Amino acid sequence: MDNVINKLSEIEQTAASIMEAANARKKEFASEMEKKTADFDAALEAETAKKVTDLRAQMETTMQSKLEKQRSDAEEVLKHMEESYRLNHRAYAKELFQAMIKE
């Protein structure tokens, strides 16, 4: 009988030590997962910040390019208008005068 009780006590101690080891491994795993999650979050945040910075730079470049094209186009239109005025200002004035006195 004592032998059975000793065996049961031994089994209980083994089970308790297994449970303690499992709890320790569980805590260790939870800690490791927290660290991996924090590392992942930090890496994702850094990657997102870099992508946002790159996108802003790309958009700035695109905007500057479009602005320069618009400026160039406006200068070209202005040149054509000035050239047209230089060549035809007398005809424009005459046409305007005729339209005013026709009433």
Foldseek 3Di string as FASTA:
>chain_A
DVVVVVVVVVVVVVVVVVVVVVVVVVVVVVVVVVVVVVVVVVVVVVVVVVVVVVVVVVVVVVVVVVVVVVVVVVVVVVVVVVVCCVVCVVVVVVVVVCVVVVD
